[in-house]
């Protein structure tokens, strides 16, 4: 199954895709529509079955992670705005832009960080590691970011290998997408 990153859906018409999976995790301001493909699957909060898509896959950790909602009007759990805790760290593990501007990275994903290490700068303002850990995610250098935008993630477990493995959450969500596609193809 080919995967394309096409945030503005420019390839959709040319590809004549049978399945469109919106994995942008926008959480609000959903612009996906049912008529975009014979099967449209939305991941996470903001999607409503019958309005934006044919099926929604739950992305929030917990008992319903990866579940497929296909009943008219069904939706994923609302965004809590609070990241799941990892080794006792929740919101603090998420790096956010202190202002709007260009992001310039000082480290690569997988780097071990000490508390206070300046992970990157945004418009010249430093963004520091809140605790010791591994840099699990970071937007690429040169991107323009908005103040308060999530730009990276520090994992307190300090295992660089985790950065290059598919997580349990990603596996559960992918399983939900596969379930939605297989269910639709059997009808």
Foldseek 3Di string as FASTA:
>chain_A
DDDDDDPPCPCLVVVQDQEAEPPVPPQAPDPAADPSHVFYEYEDHDDFPPGRGQWYAALDDDDRQLAIDRDHGDGYDHDPVWADDAPNDINLQWWFAQAWAWKAAPDDFLDWFAFQCFGIHGVRHTTTRNHTFTWLFADHGGDTDHGGHGGTGGHRVRDSVVSVDQDPSNVSNVNSVVVSVVVVVVD
